[in-house]
C-alpha atoms as a PDB file:
ATOM      1  CA  UNK A   1      98.246  92.232  91.343  1.00  0.00           C
ATOM      2  CA  UNK A   2     100.077  93.538  88.252  1.00  0.00           C
ATOM      3  CA  UNK A   3      98.243  95.009  85.308  1.00  0.00           C
ATOM      4  CA  UNK A   4      97.518  92.800  82.325  1.00  0.00           C
ATOM      5  CA  UNK A   5      99.650  93.451  79.280  1.00  0.00           C
ATOM      6  CA  UNK A   6      98.056  93.724  75.858  1.00  0.00           C
ATOM      7  CA  UNK A   7      99.424  91.395  73.212  1.00  0.00           C
ATOM      8  CA  UNK A   8     100.138  93.950  70.526  1.00  0.00           C
ATOM      9  CA  UNK A   9     100.129  91.389  67.711  1.00  0.00           C
ATOM     10  CA  UNK A  10      96.518  90.495  68.571  1.00  0.00           C
ATOM     11  CA  UNK A  11      95.477  94.113  69.175  1.00  0.00           C
ATOM     12  CA  UNK A  12      96.546  95.059  65.651  1.00  0.00           C
ATOM     13  CA  UNK A  13      94.527  92.236  64.075  1.00  0.00           C
ATOM     14  CA  UNK A  14      91.185  92.473  65.891  1.00  0.00           C
ATOM     15  CA  UNK A  15      88.686  95.261  66.595  1.00  0.00           C
ATOM     16  CA  UNK A  16      85.661  95.172  68.872  1.00  0.00           C
ATOM     17  CA  UNK A  17      82.208  95.947  67.503  1.00  0.00           C
ATOM     18  CA  UNK A  18      79.537  97.844  69.416  1.00  0.00           C
ATOM     19  CA  UNK A  19      77.897  94.535  70.306  1.00  0.00           C
ATOM     20  CA  UNK A  20      81.086  93.127  71.788  1.00  0.00           C
ATOM     21  CA  UNK A  21      82.014  90.822  68.916  1.00  0.00           C
ATOM     22  CA  UNK A  22      85.477  90.755  67.413  1.00  0.00           C
ATOM     23  CA  UNK A  23      86.015  91.487  63.748  1.00  0.00           C
ATOM     24  CA  UNK A  24      89.110  90.919  61.670  1.00  0.00           C
ATOM     25  CA  UNK A  25      90.331  91.350  58.110  1.00  0.00           C
ATOM     26  CA  UNK A  26      90.410  88.177  56.064  1.00  0.00           C
ATOM     27  CA  UNK A  27      93.630  86.655  54.778  1.00  0.00           C
ATOM     28  CA  UNK A  28      94.436  86.167  51.120  1.00  0.00           C
ATOM     29  CA  UNK A  29      93.854  89.600  49.603  1.00  0.00           C
ATOM     30  CA  UNK A  30      97.462  90.777  49.501  1.00  0.00           C
ATOM     31  CA  UNK A  31      98.891  89.356  46.291  1.00  0.00           C
ATOM     32  CA  UNK A  32      98.350  86.796  43.491  1.00  0.00           C
ATOM     33  CA  UNK A  33      94.945  88.326  42.868  1.00  0.00           C
ATOM     34  CA  UNK A  34      94.822  87.579  39.144  1.00  0.00           C
ATOM     35  CA  UNK A  35      94.060  83.907  39.697  1.00  0.00           C
ATOM     36  CA  UNK A  36      91.245  84.581  42.174  1.00  0.00           C
ATOM     37  CA  UNK A  37      87.688  85.127  41.013  1.00  0.00           C
ATOM     38  CA  UNK A  38      85.863  88.449  41.368  1.00  0.00           C
ATOM     39  CA  UNK A  39      83.452  86.888  43.814  1.00  0.00           C
ATOM     40  CA  UNK A  40      86.271  85.554  45.973  1.00  0.00           C
ATOM     41  CA  UNK A  41      88.079  88.902  46.046  1.00  0.00           C
ATOM     42  CA  UNK A  42      84.837  90.730  46.831  1.00  0.00           C
ATOM     43  CA  UNK A  43      84.173  88.423  49.776  1.00  0.00           C
ATOM     44  CA  UNK A  44      87.689  88.994  51.082  1.00  0.00           C
ATOM     45  CA  UNK A  45      87.010  92.742  51.347  1.00  0.00           C
ATOM     46  CA  UNK A  46      84.311  92.357  53.994  1.00  0.00           C
ATOM     47  CA  UNK A  47      85.347  91.943  57.616  1.00  0.00           C
ATOM     48  CA  UNK A  48      85.033  88.558  59.269  1.00  0.00           C
ATOM     49  CA  UNK A  49      83.503  88.012  62.713  1.00  0.00           C
ATOM     50  CA  UNK A  50      85.025  85.583  65.183  1.00  0.00           C
ATOM     51  CA  UNK A  51      83.014  82.733  66.633  1.00  0.00           C
ATOM     52  CA  UNK A  52      82.099  82.763  70.320  1.00  0.00           C
ATOM     53  CA  UNK A  53      84.790  80.211  71.180  1.00  0.00           C
ATOM     54  CA  UNK A  54      87.525  82.171  69.428  1.00  0.00           C
ATOM     55  CA  UNK A  55      86.277  85.444  70.941  1.00  0.00           C
ATOM     56  CA  UNK A  56      86.768  84.117  74.474  1.00  0.00           C
ATOM     57  CA  UNK A  57      90.303  83.056  73.591  1.00  0.00           C
ATOM     58  CA  UNK A  58      91.333  86.342  71.989  1.00  0.00           C
ATOM     59  CA  UNK A  59      89.631  88.760  74.425  1.00  0.00           C
ATOM     60  CA  UNK A  60      92.201  88.014  77.087  1.00  0.00           C
ATOM     61  CA  UNK A  61      94.961  88.947  74.686  1.00  0.00           C
ATOM     62  CA  UNK A  62      93.551  92.355  73.797  1.00  0.00           C
ATOM     63  CA  UNK A  63      92.510  93.309  77.305  1.00  0.00           C
ATOM     64  CA  UNK A  64      88.780  92.903  76.734  1.00  0.00           C
END
């Protein structure tokens, strides 16, 4: 059986934590930041964690 290929687009967007969850950087912090509140921008800095359903879907793409 051939080896599984990693989907590079997904591999660049997600990282695995020590506990096996997938974390990602949140969208919306690239530009037009003047109209967003401090609280909103601060929350965008922290990494998001995928839900269990999404984790199962993405793990196959990144070879997990």
